[in-house]
Amino acid sequence: MSRIYVLQSPRMAVAAARMKADVNFLGAVDDQTANWLSDNHVFLRDSWAQGGVTVKRLQRLYHRLFPGDLLIVDGSLPDELMMKAALYARELGARVVIGLKGAGISSESNDAKDVGDLADILVHAPNAMWNGDPRAIVPLEAADNLEAWVGAMSLCLMNGLGLEQSWSFCKRAAASEELPWYDEVAYG
């Protein structure tokens, strides 16, 4: 059975859990965020309150992933850590989804995120910039909720649907300002 792991994005983890997906969280969180994750049915697999994500802490991820698993990565992680996590996942046969918000970076700067070629799917806000060649790119509109889109998409991918088949469901989820629950998207 495939599993969903979310690295350092509590909102993406909750968005997927609210879609009735079994979600495992890995990352740095304070007590209040850890309680919020638990209240929203997210499993805290490896979490810590002190310090951020490090290469050493990513080694725990390496021992958890199996072929067919889905790793959702917060695009705000430093490039080195994002690439290391994606490399681990790819090496172990897991799929990689990167959620990348825009930071209003000008096209004249060299601050684009390096997503490389390891991302299976890059979901990005309109003003996000990146380097690399992900296998699939999902461009969102300005009003779309990135975390809700990724959460809905993770449920669809884990149930064998492709991007085209899940597009309308994800679009309905992303139309919500807050993180929606499954019933609100499926039946609302």
C-alpha atoms as a PDB file:
ATOM      1  CA  MET A   1       0.000   0.000   0.000  1.00  0.00           C
ATOM      2  CA  SER A   2       1.359   3.394  -0.980  1.00  0.00           C
ATOM      3  CA  ARG A   3       1.713   6.183   1.530  1.00  0.00           C
ATOM      4  CA  ILE A   4       1.858   9.975   1.442  1.00  0.00           C
ATOM      5  CA  TYR A   5       4.694  11.824   3.150  1.00  0.00           C
ATOM      6  CA  VAL A   6       4.754  15.593   3.446  1.00  0.00           C
ATOM      7  CA  LEU A   7       8.058  17.301   4.134  1.00  0.00           C
ATOM      8  CA  GLN A   8       7.947  20.595   6.038  1.00  0.00           C
ATOM      9  CA  SER A   9       4.541  21.876   4.934  1.00  0.00           C
ATOM     10  CA  PRO A  10       1.915  21.558   7.663  1.00  0.00           C
ATOM     11  CA  ARG A  11      -0.755  23.196   5.476  1.00  0.00           C
ATOM     12  CA  MET A  12      -0.195  20.764   2.587  1.00  0.00           C
ATOM     13  CA  ALA A  13      -0.310  17.868   5.059  1.00  0.00           C
ATOM     14  CA  VAL A  14      -3.615  19.051   6.520  1.00  0.00           C
ATOM     15  CA  ALA A  15      -5.031  19.733   3.048  1.00  0.00           C
ATOM     16  CA  ALA A  16      -4.331  16.129   2.030  1.00  0.00           C
ATOM     17  CA  ALA A  17      -5.645  14.719   5.316  1.00  0.00           C
ATOM     18  CA  ARG A  18      -8.874  16.695   4.962  1.00  0.00           C
ATOM     19  CA  MET A  19      -9.319  14.955   1.605  1.00  0.00           C
ATOM     20  CA  LYS A  20      -9.387  11.648   3.545  1.00  0.00           C
ATOM     21  CA  ALA A  21      -5.829  10.696   2.631  1.00  0.00           C
ATOM     22  CA  ASP A  22      -3.532   9.025   5.142  1.00  0.00           C
ATOM     23  CA  VAL A  23      -0.752  11.578   5.542  1.00  0.00           C
ATOM     24  CA  ASN A  24       2.587  11.297   7.319  1.00  0.00           C
ATOM     25  CA  PHE A  25       4.346  14.535   8.263  1.00  0.00           C
ATOM     26  CA  LEU A  26       8.085  15.047   8.589  1.00  0.00           C
ATOM     27  CA  GLY A  27       9.536  18.368   9.675  1.00  0.00           C
ATOM     28  CA  ALA A  28      10.071  21.046  12.281  1.00  0.00           C
ATOM     29  CA  VAL A  29       6.937  22.245  14.086  1.00  0.00           C
ATOM     30  CA  ASP A  30       6.077  23.902  17.353  1.00  0.00           C
ATOM     31  CA  ASP A  31       3.669  22.329  19.856  1.00  0.00           C
ATOM     32  CA  GLN A  32       0.654  24.318  18.622  1.00  0.00           C
ATOM     33  CA  THR A  33       1.238  23.250  14.998  1.00  0.00           C
ATOM     34  CA  ALA A  34       1.824  19.649  16.060  1.00  0.00           C
ATOM     35  CA  ASN A  35      -1.541  19.668  17.866  1.00  0.00           C
ATOM     36  CA  TRP A  36      -3.228  21.218  14.802  1.00  0.00           C
ATOM     37  CA  LEU A  37      -1.757  18.497  12.594  1.00  0.00           C
ATOM     38  CA  SER A  38      -2.962  15.776  14.973  1.00  0.00           C
ATOM     39  CA  ASP A  39      -6.418  17.361  15.241  1.00  0.00           C
ATOM     40  CA  ASN A  40      -6.638  17.182  11.434  1.00  0.00           C
ATOM     41  CA  HIS A  41      -5.708  13.469  11.331  1.00  0.00           C
ATOM     42  CA  VAL A  42      -2.094  13.907  10.149  1.00  0.00           C
ATOM     43  CA  PHE A  43       0.358  11.316  11.488  1.00  0.00           C
ATOM     44  CA  LEU A  44       3.482  12.935  12.943  1.00  0.00           C
ATOM     45  CA  ARG A  45       6.183  10.502  11.812  1.00  0.00           C
ATOM     46  CA  ASP A  46       9.329  12.529  12.376  1.00  0.00           C
ATOM     47  CA  SER A  47       8.846  15.951  13.879  1.00  0.00           C
ATOM     48  CA  TRP A  48      10.977  18.098  16.090  1.00  0.00           C
ATOM     49  CA  ALA A  49      10.626  21.475  17.759  1.00  0.00           C
ATOM     50  CA  GLN A  50      14.260  22.560  17.705  1.00  0.00           C
ATOM     51  CA  GLY A  51      16.077  23.434  14.487  1.00  0.00           C
ATOM     52  CA  GLY A  52      14.993  23.010  10.904  1.00  0.00           C
ATOM     53  CA  VAL A  53      15.250  20.317   8.287  1.00  0.00           C
ATOM     54  CA  THR A  54      18.837  19.165   7.779  1.00  0.00           C
ATOM     55  CA  VAL A  55      20.518  16.617   5.538  1.00  0.00           C
ATOM     56  CA  LYS A  56      21.001  14.382   8.591  1.00  0.00           C
ATOM     57  CA  ARG A  57      17.300  14.581   9.440  1.00  0.00           C
ATOM     58  CA  LEU A  58      16.430  13.791   5.809  1.00  0.00           C
ATOM     59  CA  GLN A  59      18.105  10.415   6.275  1.00  0.00           C
ATOM     60  CA  ARG A  60      15.061   9.402   8.331  1.00  0.00           C
ATOM     61  CA  LEU A  61      12.965  10.002   5.219  1.00  0.00           C
ATOM     62  CA  TYR A  62      15.235   7.696   3.227  1.00  0.00           C
ATOM     63  CA  HIS A  63      14.416   4.810   5.565  1.00  0.00           C
ATOM     64  CA  ARG A  64      10.657   5.392   5.358  1.00  0.00           C
ATOM     65  CA  LEU A  65      10.001   5.646   1.608  1.00  0.00           C
ATOM     66  CA  PHE A  66       9.019   2.696  -0.571  1.00  0.00           C
ATOM     67  CA  PRO A  67       8.218   2.319  -4.274  1.00  0.00           C
ATOM     68  CA  GLY A  68       4.885   3.918  -5.116  1.00  0.00           C
ATOM     69  CA  ASP A  69       4.881   6.295  -2.144  1.00  0.00           C
ATOM     70  CA  LEU A  70       4.229   9.985  -2.715  1.00  0.00           C
ATOM     71  CA  LEU A  71       6.542  12.639  -1.287  1.00  0.00           C
ATOM     72  CA  ILE A  72       5.144  16.167  -1.160  1.00  0.00           C
ATOM     73  CA  VAL A  73       7.834  18.789  -0.670  1.00  0.00           C
ATOM     74  CA  ASP A  74       7.435  22.414   0.341  1.00  0.00           C
ATOM     75  CA  GLY A  75       9.126  24.478  -2.359  1.00  0.00           C
ATOM     76  CA  SER A  76      10.297  26.999   0.211  1.00  0.00           C
ATOM     77  CA  LEU A  77      12.906  24.563   1.542  1.00  0.00           C
ATOM     78  CA  PRO A  78      16.491  25.430   0.624  1.00  0.00           C
ATOM     79  CA  ASP A  79      17.425  24.030  -2.799  1.00  0.00           C
ATOM     80  CA  GLU A  80      19.990  21.601  -1.375  1.00  0.00           C
ATOM     81  CA  LEU A  81      17.455  20.015   0.986  1.00  0.00           C
ATOM     82  CA  MET A  82      14.650  19.937  -1.575  1.00  0.00           C
ATOM     83  CA  MET A  83      16.931  18.255  -4.108  1.00  0.00           C
ATOM     84  CA  LYS A  84      18.257  15.763  -1.527  1.00  0.00           C
ATOM     85  CA  ALA A  85      14.722  14.770  -0.503  1.00  0.00           C
ATOM     86  CA  ALA A  86      13.685  14.391  -4.144  1.00  0.00           C
ATOM     87  CA  LEU A  87      16.806  12.347  -4.882  1.00  0.00           C
ATOM     88  CA  TYR A  88      16.054   9.990  -1.977  1.00  0.00           C
ATOM     89  CA  ALA A  89      12.473   9.571  -3.150  1.00  0.00           C
ATOM     90  CA  ARG A  90      13.429   8.938  -6.762  1.00  0.00           C
ATOM     91  CA  GLU A  91      16.128   6.445  -5.744  1.00  0.00           C
ATOM     92  CA  LEU A  92      13.553   4.507  -3.720  1.00  0.00           C
ATOM     93  CA  GLY A  93      10.841   4.574  -6.423  1.00  0.00           C
ATOM     94  CA  ALA A  94       8.584   7.169  -4.803  1.00  0.00           C
ATOM     95  CA  ARG A  95       6.936   9.985  -6.741  1.00  0.00           C
ATOM     96  CA  VAL A  96       7.817  13.607  -5.930  1.00  0.00           C
ATOM     97  CA  VAL A  97       5.428  16.568  -5.884  1.00  0.00           C
ATOM     98  CA  ILE A  98       6.798  20.043  -5.195  1.00  0.00           C
ATOM     99  CA  GLY A  99       4.434  22.859  -4.216  1.00  0.00           C
ATOM    100  CA  LEU A 100       6.058  26.182  -5.087  1.00  0.00           C
ATOM    101  CA  LYS A 101       4.583  29.497  -4.058  1.00  0.00           C
ATOM    102  CA  GLY A 102       5.663  32.671  -5.767  1.00  0.00           C
ATOM    103  CA  ALA A 103       7.604  35.186  -3.794  1.00  0.00           C
ATOM    104  CA  GLY A 104       7.296  38.099  -6.158  1.00  0.00           C
ATOM    105  CA  ILE A 105      10.814  37.471  -7.399  1.00  0.00           C
ATOM    106  CA  SER A 106      11.688  39.646 -10.374  1.00  0.00           C
ATOM    107  CA  SER A 107      12.815  37.971 -13.564  1.00  0.00           C
ATOM    108  CA  GLU A 108      16.040  39.952 -13.363  1.00  0.00           C
ATOM    109  CA  SER A 109      17.148  38.255 -10.154  1.00  0.00           C
ATOM    110  CA  ASN A 110      18.756  34.858  -9.894  1.00  0.00           C
ATOM    111  CA  ASP A 111      16.585  33.688  -7.002  1.00  0.00           C
ATOM    112  CA  ALA A 112      14.671  31.023  -8.892  1.00  0.00           C
ATOM    113  CA  LYS A 113      14.188  27.726  -7.014  1.00  0.00           C
ATOM    114  CA  ASP A 114      16.212  24.828  -8.354  1.00  0.00           C
ATOM    115  CA  VAL A 115      13.716  21.983  -8.708  1.00  0.00           C
ATOM    116  CA  GLY A 116      15.941  20.088 -11.106  1.00  0.00           C
ATOM    117  CA  ASP A 117      14.676  17.083 -13.005  1.00  0.00           C
ATOM    118  CA  LEU A 118      13.669  15.077  -9.944  1.00  0.00           C
ATOM    119  CA  ALA A 119      10.135  16.422  -9.495  1.00  0.00           C
ATOM    120  CA  ASP A 120       7.429  14.281 -11.022  1.00  0.00           C
ATOM    121  CA  ILE A 121       4.937  17.139 -10.612  1.00  0.00           C
ATOM    122  CA  LEU A 122       5.568  20.805  -9.907  1.00  0.00           C
ATOM    123  CA  VAL A 123       2.491  22.724  -8.734  1.00  0.00           C
ATOM    124  CA  HIS A 124       3.231  26.431  -8.778  1.00  0.00           C
ATOM    125  CA  ALA A 125       1.687  29.817  -8.120  1.00  0.00           C
ATOM    126  CA  PRO A 126       1.657  32.313 -11.012  1.00  0.00           C
ATOM    127  CA  ASN A 127       4.692  34.329  -9.938  1.00  0.00           C
ATOM    128  CA  ALA A 128       6.897  31.369  -8.946  1.00  0.00           C
ATOM    129  CA  MET A 129      10.215  30.948 -10.719  1.00  0.00           C
ATOM    130  CA  TRP A 130      12.283  27.788 -10.953  1.00  0.00           C
ATOM    131  CA  ASN A 131      15.143  26.106 -12.777  1.00  0.00           C
ATOM    132  CA  GLY A 132      15.000  22.555 -13.999  1.00  0.00           C
ATOM    133  CA  ASP A 133      12.677  20.330 -15.956  1.00  0.00           C
ATOM    134  CA  PRO A 134       9.932  18.656 -13.878  1.00  0.00           C
ATOM    135  CA  ARG A 135       8.072  15.830 -15.614  1.00  0.00           C
ATOM    136  CA  ALA A 136       4.708  17.607 -15.277  1.00  0.00           C
ATOM    137  CA  ILE A 137       3.875  21.211 -14.453  1.00  0.00           C
ATOM    138  CA  VAL A 138       0.586  22.410 -12.969  1.00  0.00           C
ATOM    139  CA  PRO A 139       0.290  26.188 -13.274  1.00  0.00           C
ATOM    140  CA  LEU A 140      -2.227  27.678 -10.856  1.00  0.00           C
ATOM    141  CA  GLU A 141      -4.169  30.894 -11.207  1.00  0.00           C
ATOM    142  CA  ALA A 142      -3.729  33.756  -8.743  1.00  0.00           C
ATOM    143  CA  ALA A 143      -6.920  32.925  -6.834  1.00  0.00           C
ATOM    144  CA  ASP A 144      -6.136  29.212  -6.472  1.00  0.00           C
ATOM    145  CA  ASN A 145      -5.203  27.805  -3.065  1.00  0.00           C
ATOM    146  CA  LEU A 146      -1.935  25.936  -3.687  1.00  0.00           C
ATOM    147  CA  GLU A 147      -2.120  23.813  -0.536  1.00  0.00           C
ATOM    148  CA  ALA A 148      -5.712  22.762  -1.241  1.00  0.00           C
ATOM    149  CA  TRP A 149      -4.775  21.840  -4.833  1.00  0.00           C
ATOM    150  CA  VAL A 150      -1.842  19.706  -3.704  1.00  0.00           C
ATOM    151  CA  GLY A 151      -3.967  18.053  -1.015  1.00  0.00           C
ATOM    152  CA  ALA A 152      -6.720  17.104  -3.444  1.00  0.00           C
ATOM    153  CA  MET A 153      -4.219  15.997  -6.067  1.00  0.00           C
ATOM    154  CA  SER A 154      -2.418  13.732  -3.597  1.00  0.00           C
ATOM    155  CA  LEU A 155      -5.639  11.866  -2.866  1.00  0.00           C
ATOM    156  CA  CYS A 156      -6.320  11.468  -6.588  1.00  0.00           C
ATOM    157  CA  LEU A 157      -2.784  10.262  -7.357  1.00  0.00           C
ATOM    158  CA  MET A 158      -2.873   7.736  -4.525  1.00  0.00           C
ATOM    159  CA  ASN A 159      -6.116   6.366  -5.940  1.00  0.00           C
ATOM    160  CA  GLY A 160      -4.622   5.873  -9.399  1.00  0.00           C
ATOM    161  CA  LEU A 161      -5.971   8.945 -11.158  1.00  0.00           C
ATOM    162  CA  GLY A 162      -3.790  11.009 -13.453  1.00  0.00           C
ATOM    163  CA  LEU A 163      -3.507  14.783 -13.587  1.00  0.00           C
ATOM    164  CA  GLU A 164      -6.126  15.166 -16.318  1.00  0.00           C
ATOM    165  CA  GLN A 165      -8.616  12.955 -14.499  1.00  0.00           C
ATOM    166  CA  SER A 166      -8.164  14.830 -11.229  1.00  0.00           C
ATOM    167  CA  TRP A 167      -8.106  18.372 -12.652  1.00  0.00           C
ATOM    168  CA  SER A 168     -11.728  19.344 -11.948  1.00  0.00           C
ATOM    169  CA  PHE A 169     -11.663  17.925  -8.406  1.00  0.00           C
ATOM    170  CA  CYS A 170      -8.423  19.788  -7.645  1.00  0.00           C
ATOM    171  CA  LYS A 171      -9.799  22.978  -9.180  1.00  0.00           C
ATOM    172  CA  ARG A 172     -12.871  22.815  -6.909  1.00  0.00           C
ATOM    173  CA  ALA A 173     -10.661  22.266  -3.863  1.00  0.00           C
ATOM    174  CA  ALA A 174      -8.349  25.142  -4.830  1.00  0.00           C
ATOM    175  CA  ALA A 175     -11.276  27.543  -5.148  1.00  0.00           C
ATOM    176  CA  SER A 176     -11.618  27.564  -1.360  1.00  0.00           C
ATOM    177  CA  GLU A 177      -9.783  30.210   0.638  1.00  0.00           C
ATOM    178  CA  GLU A 178      -9.489  27.847   3.618  1.00  0.00           C
ATOM    179  CA  LEU A 179      -8.385  24.234   3.466  1.00  0.00           C
ATOM    180  CA  PRO A 180     -11.585  22.391   2.503  1.00  0.00           C
ATOM    181  CA  TRP A 181     -12.821  19.031   3.715  1.00  0.00           C
ATOM    182  CA  TYR A 182     -13.472  16.206   1.261  1.00  0.00           C
ATOM    183  CA  ASP A 183     -17.261  16.422   1.543  1.00  0.00           C
ATOM    184  CA  GLU A 184     -17.204  20.146   0.730  1.00  0.00           C
ATOM    185  CA  VAL A 185     -15.329  19.450  -2.510  1.00  0.00           C
ATOM    186  CA  ALA A 186     -16.937  16.166  -3.573  1.00  0.00           C
ATOM    187  CA  TYR A 187     -20.550  17.009  -2.743  1.00  0.00           C
ATOM    188  CA  GLY A 188     -20.594  20.794  -2.306  1.00  0.00           C
END
